Amino acid sequence: MGLNRDPILDYRLVELSAKIPTKYKLNFKDNKIIFKEAFAKELPSHLFNQPKRGWLSPAAKWLRDELKDFSYDVINKNYTQGSEEFIDFKAARKLLDDHIEGKKYNLHLIWILITWQLWYKKCCL
């Protein structure tokens, strides 16, 4: 079960945080001290001492599974008339093939190609 960030954006929490003095919000030795203290009884203590790390998007897996056919359809010169002027589809197909076969992690480049193709079709034709 993943954590959802929506409760952190609740207006009541935002209003409460505006009332907290700055000296409690800025602590360069210990980030998120108020948040940690608020949840100290709810969460295991070992979670508070872990290094910060990025969040991995499930999109890499989606491209190999449920978005695979969609990706091949969109990253194709026939998807959008005129886009071959901007995209080398042979190279783009290689990026997608390598990603799907697990040879190389190309999520960022593939996502850029997909979103560009979708944008170009919607806005430029």
PDB file of N, CA and C in Angstrom:
ATOM      1  N   MET A   1       0.845  -1.185   0.000  1.00  0.00           N
ATOM      2  CA  MET A   1       0.000   0.000   0.000  1.00  0.00           C
ATOM      3  C   MET A   1       0.887   1.242   0.000  1.00  0.00           C
ATOM      4  N   GLY A   2       0.709   2.108  -0.962  1.00  0.00           N
ATOM      5  CA  GLY A   2       1.504   3.326  -1.049  1.00  0.00           C
ATOM      6  C   GLY A   2       0.872   4.464  -0.267  1.00  0.00           C
ATOM      7  N   LEU A   3       1.689   5.423   0.059  1.00  0.00           N
ATOM      8  CA  LEU A   3       1.193   6.607   0.759  1.00  0.00           C
ATOM      9  C   LEU A   3       0.651   7.605  -0.249  1.00  0.00           C
ATOM     10  N   ASN A   4      -0.441   8.220   0.082  1.00  0.00           N
ATOM     11  CA  ASN A   4      -1.050   9.229  -0.775  1.00  0.00           C
ATOM     12  C   ASN A   4      -0.726  10.601  -0.184  1.00  0.00           C
ATOM     13  N   ARG A   5      -0.263  11.532  -1.005  1.00  0.00           N
ATOM     14  CA  ARG A   5       0.138  12.855  -0.523  1.00  0.00           C
ATOM     15  C   ARG A   5      -1.042  13.807  -0.358  1.00  0.00           C
ATOM     16  N   ASP A   6      -2.222  13.432  -0.841  1.00  0.00           N
ATOM     17  CA  ASP A   6      -3.377  14.322  -0.777  1.00  0.00           C
ATOM     18  C   ASP A   6      -3.675  14.839   0.631  1.00  0.00           C
ATOM     19  N   PRO A   7      -3.613  14.002   1.683  1.00  0.00           N
ATOM     20  CA  PRO A   7      -3.916  14.541   3.022  1.00  0.00           C
ATOM     21  C   PRO A   7      -2.985  15.682   3.434  1.00  0.00           C
ATOM     22  N   ILE A   8      -1.776  15.695   2.916  1.00  0.00           N
ATOM     23  CA  ILE A   8      -0.822  16.753   3.246  1.00  0.00           C
ATOM     24  C   ILE A   8      -1.282  18.085   2.653  1.00  0.00           C
ATOM     25  N   LEU A   9      -2.093  18.027   1.612  1.00  0.00           N
ATOM     26  CA  LEU A   9      -2.568  19.237   0.942  1.00  0.00           C
ATOM     27  C   LEU A   9      -3.936  19.699   1.457  1.00  0.00           C
ATOM     28  N   ASP A  10      -4.481  19.025   2.432  1.00  0.00           N
ATOM     29  CA  ASP A  10      -5.782  19.403   2.979  1.00  0.00           C
ATOM     30  C   ASP A  10      -5.701  20.834   3.510  1.00  0.00           C
ATOM     31  N   TYR A  11      -6.703  21.648   3.205  1.00  0.00           N
ATOM     32  CA  TYR A  11      -6.677  23.067   3.568  1.00  0.00           C
ATOM     33  C   TYR A  11      -6.556  23.275   5.078  1.00  0.00           C
ATOM     34  N   ARG A  12      -7.121  22.361   5.873  1.00  0.00           N
ATOM     35  CA  ARG A  12      -7.036  22.521   7.331  1.00  0.00           C
ATOM     36  C   ARG A  12      -5.604  22.346   7.812  1.00  0.00           C
ATOM     37  N   LEU A  13      -4.886  21.425   7.192  1.00  0.00           N
ATOM     38  CA  LEU A  13      -3.483  21.230   7.545  1.00  0.00           C
ATOM     39  C   LEU A  13      -2.653  22.430   7.104  1.00  0.00           C
ATOM     40  N   VAL A  14      -2.969  22.977   5.953  1.00  0.00           N
ATOM     41  CA  VAL A  14      -2.262  24.168   5.461  1.00  0.00           C
ATOM     42  C   VAL A  14      -2.507  25.352   6.400  1.00  0.00           C
ATOM     43  N   GLU A  15      -3.762  25.525   6.831  1.00  0.00           N
ATOM     44  CA  GLU A  15      -4.085  26.607   7.772  1.00  0.00           C
ATOM     45  C   GLU A  15      -3.352  26.422   9.098  1.00  0.00           C
ATOM     46  N   LEU A  16      -3.306  25.193   9.591  1.00  0.00           N
ATOM     47  CA  LEU A  16      -2.591  24.916  10.833  1.00  0.00           C
ATOM     48  C   LEU A  16      -1.103  25.214  10.680  1.00  0.00           C
ATOM     49  N   SER A  17      -0.524  24.781   9.569  1.00  0.00           N
ATOM     50  CA  SER A  17       0.913  24.992   9.368  1.00  0.00           C
ATOM     51  C   SER A  17       1.262  26.479   9.280  1.00  0.00           C
ATOM     52  N   ALA A  18       0.334  27.293   8.806  1.00  0.00           N
ATOM     53  CA  ALA A  18       0.573  28.735   8.736  1.00  0.00           C
ATOM     54  C   ALA A  18       0.677  29.352  10.129  1.00  0.00           C
ATOM     55  N   LYS A  19       0.088  28.699  11.126  1.00  0.00           N
ATOM     56  CA  LYS A  19       0.117  29.208  12.505  1.00  0.00           C
ATOM     57  C   LYS A  19       1.363  28.782  13.270  1.00  0.00           C
ATOM     58  N   ILE A  20       2.105  27.831  12.749  1.00  0.00           N
ATOM     59  CA  ILE A  20       3.301  27.326  13.445  1.00  0.00           C
ATOM     60  C   ILE A  20       4.453  28.310  13.237  1.00  0.00           C
ATOM     61  N   PRO A  21       5.133  28.706  14.307  1.00  0.00           N
ATOM     62  CA  PRO A  21       6.263  29.640  14.176  1.00  0.00           C
ATOM     63  C   PRO A  21       7.366  29.083  13.265  1.00  0.00           C
ATOM     64  N   THR A  22       7.972  29.963  12.514  1.00  0.00           N
ATOM     65  CA  THR A  22       9.008  29.589  11.554  1.00  0.00           C
ATOM     66  C   THR A  22      10.156  28.830  12.204  1.00  0.00           C
ATOM     67  N   LYS A  23      10.509  29.169  13.422  1.00  0.00           N
ATOM     68  CA  LYS A  23      11.660  28.510  14.065  1.00  0.00           C
ATOM     69  C   LYS A  23      11.433  27.004  14.204  1.00  0.00           C
ATOM     70  N   TYR A  24      10.182  26.561  14.194  1.00  0.00           N
ATOM     71  CA  TYR A  24       9.891  25.133  14.258  1.00  0.00           C
ATOM     72  C   TYR A  24       9.833  24.489  12.867  1.00  0.00           C
ATOM     73  N   LYS A  25       9.648  25.311  11.875  1.00  0.00           N
ATOM     74  CA  LYS A  25       9.551  24.786  10.509  1.00  0.00           C
ATOM     75  C   LYS A  25      10.913  24.660   9.840  1.00  0.00           C
ATOM     76  N   LEU A  26      11.859  25.501  10.220  1.00  0.00           N
ATOM     77  CA  LEU A  26      13.189  25.471   9.617  1.00  0.00           C
ATOM     78  C   LEU A  26      14.191  24.854  10.582  1.00  0.00           C
ATOM     79  N   ASN A  27      14.603  23.656  10.256  1.00  0.00           N
ATOM     80  CA  ASN A  27      15.592  22.955  11.053  1.00  0.00           C
ATOM     81  C   ASN A  27      16.516  22.262  10.058  1.00  0.00           C
ATOM     82  N   PHE A  28      17.686  22.848   9.832  1.00  0.00           N
ATOM     83  CA  PHE A  28      18.575  22.329   8.802  1.00  0.00           C
ATOM     84  C   PHE A  28      19.243  21.015   9.189  1.00  0.00           C
ATOM     85  N   LYS A  29      19.198  20.654  10.455  1.00  0.00           N
ATOM     86  CA  LYS A  29      19.785  19.387  10.898  1.00  0.00           C
ATOM     87  C   LYS A  29      18.796  18.230  10.772  1.00  0.00           C
ATOM     88  N   ASP A  30      17.508  18.529  10.843  1.00  0.00           N
ATOM     89  CA  ASP A  30      16.504  17.475  10.804  1.00  0.00           C
ATOM     90  C   ASP A  30      15.299  17.950   9.992  1.00  0.00           C
ATOM     91  N   ASN A  31      15.196  17.475   8.768  1.00  0.00           N
ATOM     92  CA  ASN A  31      14.088  17.867   7.901  1.00  0.00           C
ATOM     93  C   ASN A  31      12.766  17.281   8.384  1.00  0.00           C
ATOM     94  N   LYS A  32      11.716  18.003   8.164  1.00  0.00           N
ATOM     95  CA  LYS A  32      10.351  17.567   8.460  1.00  0.00           C
ATOM     96  C   LYS A  32      10.164  17.171   9.925  1.00  0.00           C
ATOM     97  N   ILE A  33      10.756  17.909  10.830  1.00  0.00           N
ATOM     98  CA  ILE A  33      10.702  17.578  12.253  1.00  0.00           C
ATOM     99  C   ILE A  33       9.259  17.557  12.778  1.00  0.00           C
ATOM    100  N   ILE A  34       8.437  18.509  12.385  1.00  0.00           N
ATOM    101  CA  ILE A  34       7.047  18.552  12.861  1.00  0.00           C
ATOM    102  C   ILE A  34       6.278  17.339  12.339  1.00  0.00           C
ATOM    103  N   PHE A  35       6.473  17.031  11.094  1.00  0.00           N
ATOM    104  CA  PHE A  35       5.815  15.879  10.484  1.00  0.00           C
ATOM    105  C   PHE A  35       6.232  14.591  11.195  1.00  0.00           C
ATOM    106  N   LYS A  36       7.513  14.454  11.475  1.00  0.00           N
ATOM    107  CA  LYS A  36       8.028  13.255  12.149  1.00  0.00           C
ATOM    108  C   LYS A  36       7.468  13.139  13.564  1.00  0.00           C
ATOM    109  N   GLU A  37       7.439  14.242  14.275  1.00  0.00           N
ATOM    110  CA  GLU A  37       6.912  14.202  15.643  1.00  0.00           C
ATOM    111  C   GLU A  37       5.409  13.902  15.648  1.00  0.00           C
ATOM    112  N   ALA A  38       4.706  14.430  14.674  1.00  0.00           N
ATOM    113  CA  ALA A  38       3.263  14.206  14.606  1.00  0.00           C
ATOM    114  C   ALA A  38       2.924  12.737  14.372  1.00  0.00           C
ATOM    115  N   PHE A  39       3.764  12.039  13.639  1.00  0.00           N
ATOM    116  CA  PHE A  39       3.481  10.645  13.304  1.00  0.00           C
ATOM    117  C   PHE A  39       4.380   9.650  14.031  1.00  0.00           C
ATOM    118  N   ALA A  40       5.113  10.100  15.031  1.00  0.00           N
ATOM    119  CA  ALA A  40       6.040   9.234  15.752  1.00  0.00           C
ATOM    120  C   ALA A  40       5.358   8.011  16.359  1.00  0.00           C
ATOM    121  N   LYS A  41       4.139   8.161  16.833  1.00  0.00           N
ATOM    122  CA  LYS A  41       3.431   7.036  17.453  1.00  0.00           C
ATOM    123  C   LYS A  41       2.761   6.144  16.409  1.00  0.00           C
ATOM    124  N   GLU A  42       2.533   6.666  15.206  1.00  0.00           N
ATOM    125  CA  GLU A  42       1.822   5.914  14.171  1.00  0.00           C
ATOM    126  C   GLU A  42       2.746   5.100  13.258  1.00  0.00           C
ATOM    127  N   LEU A  43       3.987   5.559  13.099  1.00  0.00           N
ATOM    128  CA  LEU A  43       4.915   4.921  12.165  1.00  0.00           C
ATOM    129  C   LEU A  43       6.119   4.337  12.886  1.00  0.00           C
ATOM    130  N   PRO A  44       6.710   3.269  12.344  1.00  0.00           N
ATOM    131  CA  PRO A  44       7.911   2.681  12.955  1.00  0.00           C
ATOM    132  C   PRO A  44       9.068   3.681  12.974  1.00  0.00           C
ATOM    133  N   SER A  45       9.812   3.705  14.053  1.00  0.00           N
ATOM    134  CA  SER A  45      10.889   4.693  14.222  1.00  0.00           C
ATOM    135  C   SER A  45      11.979   4.585  13.161  1.00  0.00           C
ATOM    136  N   HIS A  46      12.233   3.382  12.645  1.00  0.00           N
ATOM    137  CA  HIS A  46      13.308   3.235  11.646  1.00  0.00           C
ATOM    138  C   HIS A  46      13.016   4.014  10.349  1.00  0.00           C
ATOM    139  N   LEU A  47      11.761   4.339  10.101  1.00  0.00           N
ATOM    140  CA  LEU A  47      11.424   5.106   8.893  1.00  0.00           C
ATOM    141  C   LEU A  47      11.956   6.531   8.945  1.00  0.00           C
ATOM    142  N   PHE A  48      12.139   7.060  10.132  1.00  0.00           N
ATOM    143  CA  PHE A  48      12.544   8.461  10.271  1.00  0.00           C
ATOM    144  C   PHE A  48      14.041   8.682  10.088  1.00  0.00           C
ATOM    145  N   ASN A  49      14.816   7.626  10.055  1.00  0.00           N
ATOM    146  CA  ASN A  49      16.272   7.764   9.953  1.00  0.00           C
ATOM    147  C   ASN A  49      16.815   7.331   8.598  1.00  0.00           C
ATOM    148  N   GLN A  50      15.956   7.074   7.671  1.00  0.00           N
ATOM    149  CA  GLN A  50      16.401   6.643   6.350  1.00  0.00           C
ATOM    150  C   GLN A  50      16.768   7.839   5.489  1.00  0.00           C
ATOM    151  N   PRO A  51      17.719   7.647   4.580  1.00  0.00           N
ATOM    152  CA  PRO A  51      18.085   8.758   3.680  1.00  0.00           C
ATOM    153  C   PRO A  51      16.953   9.053   2.704  1.00  0.00           C
ATOM    154  N   LYS A  52      16.916  10.277   2.263  1.00  0.00           N
ATOM    155  CA  LYS A  52      15.913  10.690   1.291  1.00  0.00           C
ATOM    156  C   LYS A  52      16.200   9.987  -0.034  1.00  0.00           C
ATOM    157  N   ARG A  53      15.154   9.553  -0.690  1.00  0.00           N
ATOM    158  CA  ARG A  53      15.331   8.902  -1.987  1.00  0.00           C
ATOM    159  C   ARG A  53      14.175   9.274  -2.903  1.00  0.00           C
ATOM    160  N   GLY A  54      14.416   9.132  -4.163  1.00  0.00           N
ATOM    161  CA  GLY A  54      13.408   9.487  -5.150  1.00  0.00           C
ATOM    162  C   GLY A  54      12.299   8.461  -5.243  1.00  0.00           C
ATOM    163  N   TRP A  55      11.237   8.873  -5.896  1.00  0.00           N
ATOM    164  CA  TRP A  55      10.102   7.999  -6.118  1.00  0.00           C
ATOM    165  C   TRP A  55      10.202   7.466  -7.533  1.00  0.00           C
ATOM    166  N   LEU A  56      10.061   6.161  -7.688  1.00  0.00           N
ATOM    167  CA  LEU A  56      10.124   5.562  -9.009  1.00  0.00           C
ATOM    168  C   LEU A  56       8.720   5.426  -9.584  1.00  0.00           C
ATOM    169  N   SER A  57       8.570   5.931 -10.759  1.00  0.00           N
ATOM    170  CA  SER A  57       7.283   5.874 -11.443  1.00  0.00           C
ATOM    171  C   SER A  57       7.031   4.460 -11.961  1.00  0.00           C
ATOM    172  N   PRO A  58       5.790   3.993 -11.901  1.00  0.00           N
ATOM    173  CA  PRO A  58       5.473   2.683 -12.474  1.00  0.00           C
ATOM    174  C   PRO A  58       5.372   2.714 -13.994  1.00  0.00           C
ATOM    175  N   ALA A  59       5.608   3.860 -14.601  1.00  0.00           N
ATOM    176  CA  ALA A  59       5.458   4.001 -16.050  1.00  0.00           C
ATOM    177  C   ALA A  59       6.402   3.078 -16.822  1.00  0.00           C
ATOM    178  N   ALA A  60       7.586   2.804 -16.300  1.00  0.00           N
ATOM    179  CA  ALA A  60       8.520   1.913 -16.995  1.00  0.00           C
ATOM    180  C   ALA A  60       7.898   0.528 -17.171  1.00  0.00           C
ATOM    181  N   LYS A  61       7.256   0.054 -16.132  1.00  0.00           N
ATOM    182  CA  LYS A  61       6.561  -1.236 -16.183  1.00  0.00           C
ATOM    183  C   LYS A  61       5.338  -1.139 -17.093  1.00  0.00           C
ATOM    184  N   TRP A  62       4.593  -0.056 -17.008  1.00  0.00           N
ATOM    185  CA  TRP A  62       3.405   0.116 -17.846  1.00  0.00           C
ATOM    186  C   TRP A  62       3.768   0.023 -19.324  1.00  0.00           C
ATOM    187  N   LEU A  63       4.914   0.615 -19.710  1.00  0.00           N
ATOM    188  CA  LEU A  63       5.331   0.570 -21.106  1.00  0.00           C
ATOM    189  C   LEU A  63       5.603  -0.855 -21.566  1.00  0.00           C
ATOM    190  N   ARG A  64       6.002  -1.718 -20.644  1.00  0.00           N
ATOM    191  CA  ARG A  64       6.274  -3.118 -20.982  1.00  0.00           C
ATOM    192  C   ARG A  64       5.009  -3.972 -20.955  1.00  0.00           C
ATOM    193  N   ASP A  65       3.972  -3.464 -20.313  1.00  0.00           N
ATOM    194  CA  ASP A  65       2.743  -4.248 -20.151  1.00  0.00           C
ATOM    195  C   ASP A  65       1.564  -3.561 -20.826  1.00  0.00           C
ATOM    196  N   GLU A  66       0.712  -2.911 -20.007  1.00  0.00           N
ATOM    197  CA  GLU A  66      -0.552  -2.384 -20.528  1.00  0.00           C
ATOM    198  C   GLU A  66      -0.429  -1.224 -21.525  1.00  0.00           C
ATOM    199  N   LEU A  67       0.694  -0.517 -21.552  1.00  0.00           N
ATOM    200  CA  LEU A  67       0.873   0.571 -22.526  1.00  0.00           C
ATOM    201  C   LEU A  67       1.770   0.188 -23.705  1.00  0.00           C
ATOM    202  N   LYS A  68       2.146  -1.066 -23.764  1.00  0.00           N
ATOM    203  CA  LYS A  68       3.062  -1.513 -24.815  1.00  0.00           C
ATOM    204  C   LYS A  68       2.481  -1.266 -26.217  1.00  0.00           C
ATOM    205  N   ASP A  69       1.282  -1.770 -26.489  1.00  0.00           N
ATOM    206  CA  ASP A  69       0.679  -1.596 -27.818  1.00  0.00           C
ATOM    207  C   ASP A  69       0.437  -0.123 -28.128  1.00  0.00           C
ATOM    208  N   PHE A  70      -0.043   0.612 -27.128  1.00  0.00           N
ATOM    209  CA  PHE A  70      -0.268   2.050 -27.283  1.00  0.00           C
ATOM    210  C   PHE A  70       1.037   2.758 -27.654  1.00  0.00           C
ATOM    211  N   SER A  71       2.128   2.388 -26.987  1.00  0.00           N
ATOM    212  CA  SER A  71       3.430   3.017 -27.246  1.00  0.00           C
ATOM    213  C   SER A  71       3.885   2.783 -28.674  1.00  0.00           C
ATOM    214  N   TYR A  72       3.741   1.536 -29.135  1.00  0.00           N
ATOM    215  CA  TYR A  72       4.133   1.242 -30.512  1.00  0.00           C
ATOM    216  C   TYR A  72       3.242   1.964 -31.517  1.00  0.00           C
ATOM    217  N   ASP A  73       1.968   2.115 -31.192  1.00  0.00           N
ATOM    218  CA  ASP A  73       1.063   2.845 -32.089  1.00  0.00           C
ATOM    219  C   ASP A  73       1.438   4.319 -32.194  1.00  0.00           C
ATOM    220  N   VAL A  74       1.757   4.934 -31.053  1.00  0.00           N
ATOM    221  CA  VAL A  74       2.040   6.372 -31.016  1.00  0.00           C
ATOM    222  C   VAL A  74       3.435   6.690 -31.538  1.00  0.00           C
ATOM    223  N   ILE A  75       4.406   5.855 -31.199  1.00  0.00           N
ATOM    224  CA  ILE A  75       5.774   6.101 -31.687  1.00  0.00           C
ATOM    225  C   ILE A  75       5.909   5.420 -33.049  1.00  0.00           C
ATOM    226  N   ASN A  76       5.240   6.019 -33.988  1.00  0.00           N
ATOM    227  CA  ASN A  76       5.158   5.477 -35.339  1.00  0.00           C
ATOM    228  C   ASN A  76       4.909   6.647 -36.293  1.00  0.00           C
ATOM    229  N   LYS A  77       5.614   6.649 -37.407  1.00  0.00           N
ATOM    230  CA  LYS A  77       5.465   7.778 -38.342  1.00  0.00           C
ATOM    231  C   LYS A  77       4.047   7.895 -38.890  1.00  0.00           C
ATOM    232  N   ASN A  78       3.277   6.820 -38.873  1.00  0.00           N
ATOM    233  CA  ASN A  78       1.905   6.850 -39.371  1.00  0.00           C
ATOM    234  C   ASN A  78       0.911   7.420 -38.354  1.00  0.00           C
ATOM    235  N   TYR A  79       1.345   7.590 -37.123  1.00  0.00           N
ATOM    236  CA  TYR A  79       0.440   8.103 -36.085  1.00  0.00           C
ATOM    237  C   TYR A  79       0.085   9.571 -36.333  1.00  0.00           C
ATOM    238  N   THR A  80       1.090  10.359 -36.695  1.00  0.00           N
ATOM    239  CA  THR A  80       0.880  11.793 -36.901  1.00  0.00           C
ATOM    240  C   THR A  80       1.571  12.229 -38.184  1.00  0.00           C
ATOM    241  N   GLN A  81       0.793  12.698 -39.110  1.00  0.00           N
ATOM    242  CA  GLN A  81       1.324  13.165 -40.387  1.00  0.00           C
ATOM    243  C   GLN A  81       2.288  14.328 -40.148  1.00  0.00           C
ATOM    244  N   GLY A  82       3.493  14.220 -40.677  1.00  0.00           N
ATOM    245  CA  GLY A  82       4.466  15.307 -40.586  1.00  0.00           C
ATOM    246  C   GLY A  82       5.457  15.190 -39.442  1.00  0.00           C
ATOM    247  N   SER A  83       5.216  14.287 -38.517  1.00  0.00           N
ATOM    248  CA  SER A  83       6.118  14.209 -37.366  1.00  0.00           C
ATOM    249  C   SER A  83       7.466  13.587 -37.720  1.00  0.00           C
ATOM    250  N   GLU A  84       7.533  12.895 -38.852  1.00  0.00           N
ATOM    251  CA  GLU A  84       8.815  12.300 -39.268  1.00  0.00           C
ATOM    252  C   GLU A  84       9.857  13.377 -39.581  1.00  0.00           C
ATOM    253  N   GLU A  85       9.390  14.608 -39.751  1.00  0.00           N
ATOM    254  CA  GLU A  85      10.313  15.738 -39.942  1.00  0.00           C
ATOM    255  C   GLU A  85      11.106  16.016 -38.655  1.00  0.00           C
ATOM    256  N   PHE A  86      10.538  15.635 -37.516  1.00  0.00           N
ATOM    257  CA  PHE A  86      11.139  15.942 -36.221  1.00  0.00           C
ATOM    258  C   PHE A  86      11.688  14.714 -35.488  1.00  0.00           C
ATOM    259  N   ILE A  87      11.198  13.536 -35.828  1.00  0.00           N
ATOM    260  CA  ILE A  87      11.570  12.327 -35.090  1.00  0.00           C
ATOM    261  C   ILE A  87      12.167  11.300 -36.043  1.00  0.00           C
ATOM    262  N   ASP A  88      13.290  10.740 -35.642  1.00  0.00           N
ATOM    263  CA  ASP A  88      13.895   9.610 -36.353  1.00  0.00           C
ATOM    264  C   ASP A  88      13.204   8.355 -35.810  1.00  0.00           C
ATOM    265  N   PHE A  89      12.218   7.866 -36.535  1.00  0.00           N
ATOM    266  CA  PHE A  89      11.395   6.770 -36.026  1.00  0.00           C
ATOM    267  C   PHE A  89      12.135   5.443 -35.939  1.00  0.00           C
ATOM    268  N   LYS A  90      13.167   5.265 -36.736  1.00  0.00           N
ATOM    269  CA  LYS A  90      13.982   4.047 -36.621  1.00  0.00           C
ATOM    270  C   LYS A  90      14.694   4.052 -35.269  1.00  0.00           C
ATOM    271  N   ALA A  91      15.274   5.184 -34.901  1.00  0.00           N
ATOM    272  CA  ALA A  91      15.954   5.312 -33.608  1.00  0.00           C
ATOM    273  C   ALA A  91      14.954   5.252 -32.459  1.00  0.00           C
ATOM    274  N   ALA A  92      13.792   5.873 -32.645  1.00  0.00           N
ATOM    275  CA  ALA A  92      12.759   5.863 -31.605  1.00  0.00           C
ATOM    276  C   ALA A  92      12.266   4.441 -31.354  1.00  0.00           C
ATOM    277  N   ARG A  93      12.068   3.688 -32.426  1.00  0.00           N
ATOM    278  CA  ARG A  93      11.627   2.289 -32.298  1.00  0.00           C
ATOM    279  C   ARG A  93      12.682   1.466 -31.554  1.00  0.00           C
ATOM    280  N   LYS A  94      13.953   1.734 -31.827  1.00  0.00           N
ATOM    281  CA  LYS A  94      15.052   1.032 -31.127  1.00  0.00           C
ATOM    282  C   LYS A  94      15.010   1.344 -29.636  1.00  0.00           C
ATOM    283  N   LEU A  95      14.780   2.616 -29.274  1.00  0.00           N
ATOM    284  CA  LEU A  95      14.653   2.990 -27.863  1.00  0.00           C
ATOM    285  C   LEU A  95      13.525   2.199 -27.194  1.00  0.00           C
ATOM    286  N   LEU A  96      12.399   2.132 -27.868  1.00  0.00           N
ATOM    287  CA  LEU A  96      11.239   1.437 -27.321  1.00  0.00           C
ATOM    288  C   LEU A  96      11.496  -0.067 -27.234  1.00  0.00           C
ATOM    289  N   ASP A  97      12.044  -0.663 -28.297  1.00  0.00           N
ATOM    290  CA  ASP A  97      12.364  -2.092 -28.278  1.00  0.00           C
ATOM    291  C   ASP A  97      13.325  -2.433 -27.144  1.00  0.00           C
ATOM    292  N   ASP A  98      14.389  -1.652 -27.012  1.00  0.00           N
ATOM    293  CA  ASP A  98      15.382  -1.906 -25.956  1.00  0.00           C
ATOM    294  C   ASP A  98      14.769  -1.807 -24.571  1.00  0.00           C
ATOM    295  N   HIS A  99      13.869  -0.848 -24.396  1.00  0.00           N
ATOM    296  CA  HIS A  99      13.217  -0.690 -23.092  1.00  0.00           C
ATOM    297  C   HIS A  99      12.311  -1.888 -22.801  1.00  0.00           C
ATOM    298  N   ILE A 100      11.495  -2.251 -23.755  1.00  0.00           N
ATOM    299  CA  ILE A 100      10.536  -3.339 -23.558  1.00  0.00           C
ATOM    300  C   ILE A 100      11.254  -4.675 -23.352  1.00  0.00           C
ATOM    301  N   GLU A 101      12.360  -4.872 -24.034  1.00  0.00           N
ATOM    302  CA  GLU A 101      13.127  -6.113 -23.888  1.00  0.00           C
ATOM    303  C   GLU A 101      14.012  -6.104 -22.640  1.00  0.00           C
ATOM    304  N   GLY A 102      14.028  -4.982 -21.916  1.00  0.00           N
ATOM    305  CA  GLY A 102      14.825  -4.896 -20.694  1.00  0.00           C
ATOM    306  C   GLY A 102      16.306  -4.681 -20.931  1.00  0.00           C
ATOM    307  N   LYS A 103      16.679  -4.322 -22.142  1.00  0.00           N
ATOM    308  CA  LYS A 103      18.085  -4.077 -22.460  1.00  0.00           C
ATOM    309  C   LYS A 103      18.567  -2.739 -21.925  1.00  0.00           C
ATOM    310  N   LYS A 104      17.663  -1.763 -21.900  1.00  0.00           N
ATOM    311  CA  LYS A 104      18.023  -0.413 -21.473  1.00  0.00           C
ATOM    312  C   LYS A 104      16.796   0.281 -20.894  1.00  0.00           C
ATOM    313  N   TYR A 105      17.014   1.104 -19.891  1.00  0.00           N
ATOM    314  CA  TYR A 105      15.937   1.873 -19.266  1.00  0.00           C
ATOM    315  C   TYR A 105      15.801   3.183 -20.031  1.00  0.00           C
ATOM    316  N   ASN A 106      14.754   3.282 -20.858  1.00  0.00           N
ATOM    317  CA  ASN A 106      14.561   4.460 -21.705  1.00  0.00           C
ATOM    318  C   ASN A 106      13.265   5.196 -21.411  1.00  0.00           C
ATOM    319  N   LEU A 107      12.740   5.020 -20.216  1.00  0.00           N
ATOM    320  CA  LEU A 107      11.444   5.599 -19.883  1.00  0.00           C
ATOM    321  C   LEU A 107      11.361   7.085 -20.232  1.00  0.00           C
ATOM    322  N   HIS A 108      12.332   7.871 -19.806  1.00  0.00           N
ATOM    323  CA  HIS A 108      12.251   9.322 -19.980  1.00  0.00           C
ATOM    324  C   HIS A 108      12.190   9.711 -21.464  1.00  0.00           C
ATOM    325  N   LEU A 109      13.027   9.093 -22.259  1.00  0.00           N
ATOM    326  CA  LEU A 109      13.027   9.414 -23.690  1.00  0.00           C
ATOM    327  C   LEU A 109      11.745   8.949 -24.373  1.00  0.00           C
ATOM    328  N   ILE A 110      11.287   7.769 -24.018  1.00  0.00           N
ATOM    329  CA  ILE A 110      10.048   7.247 -24.603  1.00  0.00           C
ATOM    330  C   ILE A 110       8.873   8.125 -24.204  1.00  0.00           C
ATOM    331  N   TRP A 111       8.832   8.528 -22.942  1.00  0.00           N
ATOM    332  CA  TRP A 111       7.720   9.365 -22.474  1.00  0.00           C
ATOM    333  C   TRP A 111       7.710  10.708 -23.204  1.00  0.00           C
ATOM    334  N   ILE A 112       8.876  11.250 -23.464  1.00  0.00           N
ATOM    335  CA  ILE A 112       8.978  12.497 -24.218  1.00  0.00           C
ATOM    336  C   ILE A 112       8.435  12.299 -25.637  1.00  0.00           C
ATOM    337  N   LEU A 113       8.807  11.207 -26.266  1.00  0.00           N
ATOM    338  CA  LEU A 113       8.328  10.934 -27.631  1.00  0.00           C
ATOM    339  C   LEU A 113       6.812  10.755 -27.671  1.00  0.00           C
ATOM    340  N   ILE A 114       6.274  10.020 -26.711  1.00  0.00           N
ATOM    341  CA  ILE A 114       4.824   9.792 -26.668  1.00  0.00           C
ATOM    342  C   ILE A 114       4.082  11.106 -26.463  1.00  0.00           C
ATOM    343  N   THR A 115       4.503  11.873 -25.476  1.00  0.00           N
ATOM    344  CA  THR A 115       3.791  13.121 -25.190  1.00  0.00           C
ATOM    345  C   THR A 115       3.944  14.115 -26.339  1.00  0.00           C
ATOM    346  N   TRP A 116       5.107  14.122 -26.979  1.00  0.00           N
ATOM    347  CA  TRP A 116       5.293  15.019 -28.120  1.00  0.00           C
ATOM    348  C   TRP A 116       4.366  14.625 -29.256  1.00  0.00           C
ATOM    349  N   GLN A 117       4.301  13.337 -29.551  1.00  0.00           N
ATOM    350  CA  GLN A 117       3.427  12.865 -30.627  1.00  0.00           C
ATOM    351  C   GLN A 117       1.960  13.203 -30.337  1.00  0.00           C
ATOM    352  N   LEU A 118       1.526  12.981 -29.101  1.00  0.00           N
ATOM    353  CA  LEU A 118       0.147  13.298 -28.730  1.00  0.00           C
ATOM    354  C   LEU A 118      -0.126  14.797 -28.861  1.00  0.00           C
ATOM    355  N   TRP A 119       0.820  15.599 -28.384  1.00  0.00           N
ATOM    356  CA  TRP A 119       0.697  17.059 -28.497  1.00  0.00           C
ATOM    357  C   TRP A 119       0.657  17.487 -29.955  1.00  0.00           C
ATOM    358  N   TYR A 120       1.582  16.984 -30.747  1.00  0.00           N
ATOM    359  CA  TYR A 120       1.683  17.390 -32.151  1.00  0.00           C
ATOM    360  C   TYR A 120       0.388  17.047 -32.905  1.00  0.00           C
ATOM    361  N   LYS A 121      -0.145  15.887 -32.642  1.00  0.00           N
ATOM    362  CA  LYS A 121      -1.379  15.474 -33.323  1.00  0.00           C
ATOM    363  C   LYS A 121      -2.544  16.371 -32.928  1.00  0.00           C
ATOM    364  N   LYS A 122      -2.617  16.721 -31.651  1.00  0.00           N
ATOM    365  CA  LYS A 122      -3.723  17.529 -31.167  1.00  0.00           C
ATOM    366  C   LYS A 122      -3.596  19.005 -31.549  1.00  0.00           C
ATOM    367  N   CYS A 123      -2.387  19.539 -31.487  1.00  0.00           N
ATOM    368  CA  CYS A 123      -2.211  20.978 -31.620  1.00  0.00           C
ATOM    369  C   CYS A 123      -1.687  21.471 -32.969  1.00  0.00           C
ATOM    370  N   CYS A 124      -1.114  20.607 -33.741  1.00  0.00           N
ATOM    371  CA  CYS A 124      -0.438  21.098 -34.951  1.00  0.00           C
ATOM    372  C   CYS A 124      -1.047  20.611 -36.250  1.00  0.00           C
ATOM    373  N   LEU A 125      -2.060  19.808 -36.163  1.00  0.00           N
ATOM    374  CA  LEU A 125      -2.682  19.316 -37.408  1.00  0.00           C
ATOM    375  C   LEU A 125      -4.019  19.968 -37.643  1.00  0.00           C
TER     376      LEU A 125
END
